């Protein structure tokens, strides 16, 4: 794979290529679960005193 990349982008030496698992989806799911907890929902609910004019 490195050789093919080096040829296509016209490089004499190609850098090492490292593939890593994308953990952002796991982190996003963890945050979504936290946002759905009752304690957070209570904090996210509109305060009735703030809406009075």
PDB file of N, CA and C in Angstrom:
ATOM      1  N   UNK A   1       0.831  -1.191   0.000  1.00  0.00           N
ATOM      2  CA  UNK A   1       0.000   0.000   0.000  1.00  0.00           C
ATOM      3  C   UNK A   1       0.876   1.256   0.000  1.00  0.00           C
ATOM      4  N   UNK A   2       1.932   1.244   0.785  1.00  0.00           N
ATOM      5  CA  UNK A   2       2.830   2.405   0.819  1.00  0.00           C
ATOM      6  C   UNK A   2       3.408   2.690  -0.561  1.00  0.00           C
ATOM      7  N   UNK A   3       3.822   1.621  -1.261  1.00  0.00           N
ATOM      8  CA  UNK A   3       4.401   1.794  -2.589  1.00  0.00           C
ATOM      9  C   UNK A   3       3.417   2.410  -3.562  1.00  0.00           C
ATOM     10  N   UNK A   4       2.192   1.957  -3.523  1.00  0.00           N
ATOM     11  CA  UNK A   4       1.157   2.503  -4.407  1.00  0.00           C
ATOM     12  C   UNK A   4       0.917   3.976  -4.115  1.00  0.00           C
ATOM     13  N   UNK A   5       0.861   4.326  -2.852  1.00  0.00           N
ATOM     14  CA  UNK A   5       0.675   5.737  -2.490  1.00  0.00           C
ATOM     15  C   UNK A   5       1.858   6.562  -2.970  1.00  0.00           C
ATOM     16  N   UNK A   6       3.059   6.065  -2.773  1.00  0.00           N
ATOM     17  CA  UNK A   6       4.250   6.795  -3.201  1.00  0.00           C
ATOM     18  C   UNK A   6       4.231   7.033  -4.710  1.00  0.00           C
ATOM     19  N   UNK A   7       3.815   6.047  -5.477  1.00  0.00           N
ATOM     20  CA  UNK A   7       3.756   6.211  -6.934  1.00  0.00           C
ATOM     21  C   UNK A   7       2.681   7.225  -7.333  1.00  0.00           C
ATOM     22  N   UNK A   8       1.528   7.135  -6.701  1.00  0.00           N
ATOM     23  CA  UNK A   8       0.418   8.016  -7.107  1.00  0.00           C
ATOM     24  C   UNK A   8       0.645   9.470  -6.736  1.00  0.00           C
ATOM     25  N   UNK A   9       1.323   9.738  -5.660  1.00  0.00           N
ATOM     26  CA  UNK A   9       1.563  11.125  -5.273  1.00  0.00           C
ATOM     27  C   UNK A   9       2.996  11.551  -5.589  1.00  0.00           C
ATOM     28  N   UNK A  10       3.699  10.717  -6.320  1.00  0.00           N
ATOM     29  CA  UNK A  10       5.040  11.027  -6.814  1.00  0.00           C
ATOM     30  C   UNK A  10       6.013  11.373  -5.688  1.00  0.00           C
ATOM     31  N   UNK A  11       6.126  10.448  -4.739  1.00  0.00           N
ATOM     32  CA  UNK A  11       7.062  10.613  -3.628  1.00  0.00           C
ATOM     33  C   UNK A  11       8.185   9.599  -3.766  1.00  0.00           C
ATOM     34  N   UNK A  12       9.363   9.995  -3.387  1.00  0.00           N
ATOM     35  CA  UNK A  12      10.477   9.053  -3.389  1.00  0.00           C
ATOM     36  C   UNK A  12      10.321   8.077  -2.229  1.00  0.00           C
ATOM     37  N   UNK A  13       9.937   8.609  -1.083  1.00  0.00           N
ATOM     38  CA  UNK A  13       9.714   7.777   0.102  1.00  0.00           C
ATOM     39  C   UNK A  13       8.304   8.040   0.622  1.00  0.00           C
ATOM     40  N   UNK A  14       7.600   6.981   0.917  1.00  0.00           N
ATOM     41  CA  UNK A  14       6.243   7.119   1.460  1.00  0.00           C
ATOM     42  C   UNK A  14       6.300   6.998   2.980  1.00  0.00           C
ATOM     43  N   UNK A  15       5.506   7.776   3.673  1.00  0.00           N
ATOM     44  CA  UNK A  15       5.486   7.678   5.135  1.00  0.00           C
ATOM     45  C   UNK A  15       4.840   6.373   5.586  1.00  0.00           C
ATOM     46  N   UNK A  16       5.131   5.986   6.812  1.00  0.00           N
ATOM     47  CA  UNK A  16       4.463   4.818   7.391  1.00  0.00           C
ATOM     48  C   UNK A  16       2.977   5.119   7.502  1.00  0.00           C
ATOM     49  N   UNK A  17       2.186   4.112   7.272  1.00  0.00           N
ATOM     50  CA  UNK A  17       0.738   4.263   7.351  1.00  0.00           C
ATOM     51  C   UNK A  17       0.253   3.402   8.505  1.00  0.00           C
ATOM     52  N   UNK A  18      -0.504   4.027   9.402  1.00  0.00           N
ATOM     53  CA  UNK A  18      -1.042   3.300  10.548  1.00  0.00           C
ATOM     54  C   UNK A  18      -2.553   3.499  10.572  1.00  0.00           C
ATOM     55  N   UNK A  19      -3.264   2.412  10.695  1.00  0.00           N
ATOM     56  CA  UNK A  19      -4.720   2.462  10.784  1.00  0.00           C
ATOM     57  C   UNK A  19      -5.112   2.247  12.239  1.00  0.00           C
ATOM     58  N   UNK A  20      -6.030   3.082  12.703  1.00  0.00           N
ATOM     59  CA  UNK A  20      -6.526   2.956  14.067  1.00  0.00           C
ATOM     60  C   UNK A  20      -8.045   2.893  14.045  1.00  0.00           C
ATOM     61  N   UNK A  21      -8.585   2.214  15.022  1.00  0.00           N
ATOM     62  CA  UNK A  21     -10.042   2.134  15.142  1.00  0.00           C
ATOM     63  C   UNK A  21     -10.583   3.514  15.509  1.00  0.00           C
ATOM     64  N   UNK A  22     -11.675   3.891  14.879  1.00  0.00           N
ATOM     65  CA  UNK A  22     -12.312   5.174  15.156  1.00  0.00           C
ATOM     66  C   UNK A  22     -13.206   5.005  16.383  1.00  0.00           C
ATOM     67  N   UNK A  23     -12.828   5.634  17.476  1.00  0.00           N
ATOM     68  CA  UNK A  23     -13.564   5.496  18.727  1.00  0.00           C
ATOM     69  C   UNK A  23     -14.533   6.646  18.965  1.00  0.00           C
ATOM     70  N   UNK A  24     -14.657   7.542  18.001  1.00  0.00           N
ATOM     71  CA  UNK A  24     -15.546   8.699  18.187  1.00  0.00           C
ATOM     72  C   UNK A  24     -17.004   8.291  18.317  1.00  0.00           C
ATOM     73  N   UNK A  25     -17.406   7.243  17.611  1.00  0.00           N
ATOM     74  CA  UNK A  25     -18.805   6.823  17.700  1.00  0.00           C
ATOM     75  C   UNK A  25     -19.107   6.274  19.091  1.00  0.00           C
ATOM     76  N   UNK A  26     -18.156   5.541  19.663  1.00  0.00           N
ATOM     77  CA  UNK A  26     -18.345   5.045  21.031  1.00  0.00           C
ATOM     78  C   UNK A  26     -18.440   6.201  22.018  1.00  0.00           C
ATOM     79  N   UNK A  27     -17.602   7.202  21.839  1.00  0.00           N
ATOM     80  CA  UNK A  27     -17.617   8.368  22.718  1.00  0.00           C
ATOM     81  C   UNK A  27     -18.923   9.150  22.552  1.00  0.00           C
ATOM     82  N   UNK A  28     -19.389   9.292  21.334  1.00  0.00           N
ATOM     83  CA  UNK A  28     -20.654   9.997  21.096  1.00  0.00           C
ATOM     84  C   UNK A  28     -21.814   9.255  21.752  1.00  0.00           C
ATOM     85  N   UNK A  29     -21.806   7.937  21.674  1.00  0.00           N
ATOM     86  CA  UNK A  29     -22.865   7.146  22.303  1.00  0.00           C
ATOM     87  C   UNK A  29     -22.826   7.308  23.825  1.00  0.00           C
ATOM     88  N   UNK A  30     -21.633   7.343  24.393  1.00  0.00           N
ATOM     89  CA  UNK A  30     -21.484   7.523  25.834  1.00  0.00           C
ATOM     90  C   UNK A  30     -22.050   8.885  26.256  1.00  0.00           C
ATOM     91  N   UNK A  31     -21.770   9.904  25.489  1.00  0.00           N
ATOM     92  CA  UNK A  31     -22.268  11.245  25.796  1.00  0.00           C
ATOM     93  C   UNK A  31     -23.792  11.297  25.657  1.00  0.00           C
ATOM     94  N   UNK A  32     -24.315  10.656  24.609  1.00  0.00           N
ATOM     95  CA  UNK A  32     -25.777  10.619  24.429  1.00  0.00           C
ATOM     96  C   UNK A  32     -26.452   9.957  25.630  1.00  0.00           C
ATOM     97  N   UNK A  33     -25.876   8.870  26.119  1.00  0.00           N
ATOM     98  CA  UNK A  33     -26.446   8.194  27.293  1.00  0.00           C
ATOM     99  C   UNK A  33     -26.411   9.109  28.509  1.00  0.00           C
ATOM    100  N   UNK A  34     -25.310   9.827  28.682  1.00  0.00           N
ATOM    101  CA  UNK A  34     -25.226  10.766  29.804  1.00  0.00           C
ATOM    102  C   UNK A  34     -26.287  11.855  29.699  1.00  0.00           C
ATOM    103  N   UNK A  35     -26.501  12.357  28.500  1.00  0.00           N
ATOM    104  CA  UNK A  35     -27.485  13.428  28.312  1.00  0.00           C
ATOM    105  C   UNK A  35     -28.915  12.955  28.577  1.00  0.00           C
ATOM    106  N   UNK A  36     -29.147  11.653  28.462  1.00  0.00           N
ATOM    107  CA  UNK A  36     -30.491  11.111  28.707  1.00  0.00           C
ATOM    108  C   UNK A  36     -30.738  10.744  30.168  1.00  0.00           C
ATOM    109  N   UNK A  37     -29.741  10.874  31.029  1.00  0.00           N
ATOM    110  CA  UNK A  37     -29.939  10.523  32.432  1.00  0.00           C
ATOM    111  C   UNK A  37     -30.881  11.531  33.096  1.00  0.00           C
ATOM    112  N   UNK A  38     -31.632  11.087  34.101  1.00  0.00           N
ATOM    113  CA  UNK A  38     -32.584  11.999  34.757  1.00  0.00           C
ATOM    114  C   UNK A  38     -31.922  13.253  35.344  1.00  0.00           C
ATOM    115  N   UNK A  39     -30.749  13.116  35.908  1.00  0.00           N
ATOM    116  CA  UNK A  39     -30.085  14.275  36.513  1.00  0.00           C
ATOM    117  C   UNK A  39     -29.775  15.342  35.464  1.00  0.00           C
ATOM    118  N   UNK A  40     -29.307  14.920  34.305  1.00  0.00           N
ATOM    119  CA  UNK A  40     -28.988  15.879  33.256  1.00  0.00           C
ATOM    120  C   UNK A  40     -30.271  16.433  32.644  1.00  0.00           C
ATOM    121  N   UNK A  41     -31.269  15.593  32.458  1.00  0.00           N
ATOM    122  CA  UNK A  41     -32.542  16.055  31.909  1.00  0.00           C
ATOM    123  C   UNK A  41     -33.147  17.139  32.792  1.00  0.00           C
ATOM    124  N   UNK A  42     -33.007  16.967  34.107  1.00  0.00           N
ATOM    125  CA  UNK A  42     -33.529  17.970  35.049  1.00  0.00           C
ATOM    126  C   UNK A  42     -32.829  19.304  34.818  1.00  0.00           C
ATOM    127  N   UNK A  43     -31.525  19.264  34.604  1.00  0.00           N
ATOM    128  CA  UNK A  43     -30.766  20.494  34.378  1.00  0.00           C
ATOM    129  C   UNK A  43     -31.057  21.109  33.011  1.00  0.00           C
ATOM    130  N   UNK A  44     -31.439  20.299  32.049  1.00  0.00           N
ATOM    131  CA  UNK A  44     -31.706  20.800  30.710  1.00  0.00           C
ATOM    132  C   UNK A  44     -33.124  21.336  30.545  1.00  0.00           C
ATOM    133  N   UNK A  45     -34.011  20.951  31.451  1.00  0.00           N
ATOM    134  CA  UNK A  45     -35.401  21.402  31.359  1.00  0.00           C
ATOM    135  C   UNK A  45     -35.459  22.912  31.584  1.00  0.00           C
ATOM    136  N   UNK A  46     -36.340  23.594  30.844  1.00  0.00           N
ATOM    137  CA  UNK A  46     -36.457  25.050  31.033  1.00  0.00           C
ATOM    138  C   UNK A  46     -36.951  25.380  32.441  1.00  0.00           C
ATOM    139  N   UNK A  47     -36.401  26.391  33.001  1.00  0.00           N
ATOM    140  CA  UNK A  47     -36.790  26.852  34.330  1.00  0.00           C
ATOM    141  C   UNK A  47     -38.016  27.742  34.180  1.00  0.00           C
ATOM    142  N   UNK A  48     -39.148  27.403  34.838  1.00  0.00           N
ATOM    143  CA  UNK A  48     -40.372  28.210  34.690  1.00  0.00           C
ATOM    144  C   UNK A  48     -40.172  29.672  35.089  1.00  0.00           C
ATOM    145  N   UNK A  49     -39.297  29.945  36.031  1.00  0.00           N
ATOM    146  CA  UNK A  49     -39.064  31.327  36.457  1.00  0.00           C
ATOM    147  C   UNK A  49     -38.358  32.122  35.363  1.00  0.00           C
ATOM    148  N   UNK A  50     -37.580  31.454  34.519  1.00  0.00           N
ATOM    149  CA  UNK A  50     -36.877  32.153  33.443  1.00  0.00           C
ATOM    150  C   UNK A  50     -37.808  32.551  32.304  1.00  0.00           C
ATOM    151  N   UNK A  51     -38.948  31.880  32.165  1.00  0.00           N
ATOM    152  CA  UNK A  51     -39.840  32.149  31.038  1.00  0.00           C
ATOM    153  C   UNK A  51     -40.878  33.222  31.360  1.00  0.00           C
ATOM    154  N   UNK A  52     -41.019  33.591  32.649  1.00  0.00           N
ATOM    155  CA  UNK A  52     -41.988  34.620  33.016  1.00  0.00           C
ATOM    156  C   UNK A  52     -41.471  35.993  32.598  1.00  0.00           C
ATOM    157  N   UNK A  53     -42.381  36.796  32.062  1.00  0.00           N
ATOM    158  CA  UNK A  53     -41.979  38.151  31.654  1.00  0.00           C
ATOM    159  C   UNK A  53     -42.826  39.188  32.304  1.00  0.00           C
TER     160      UNK A  53
END
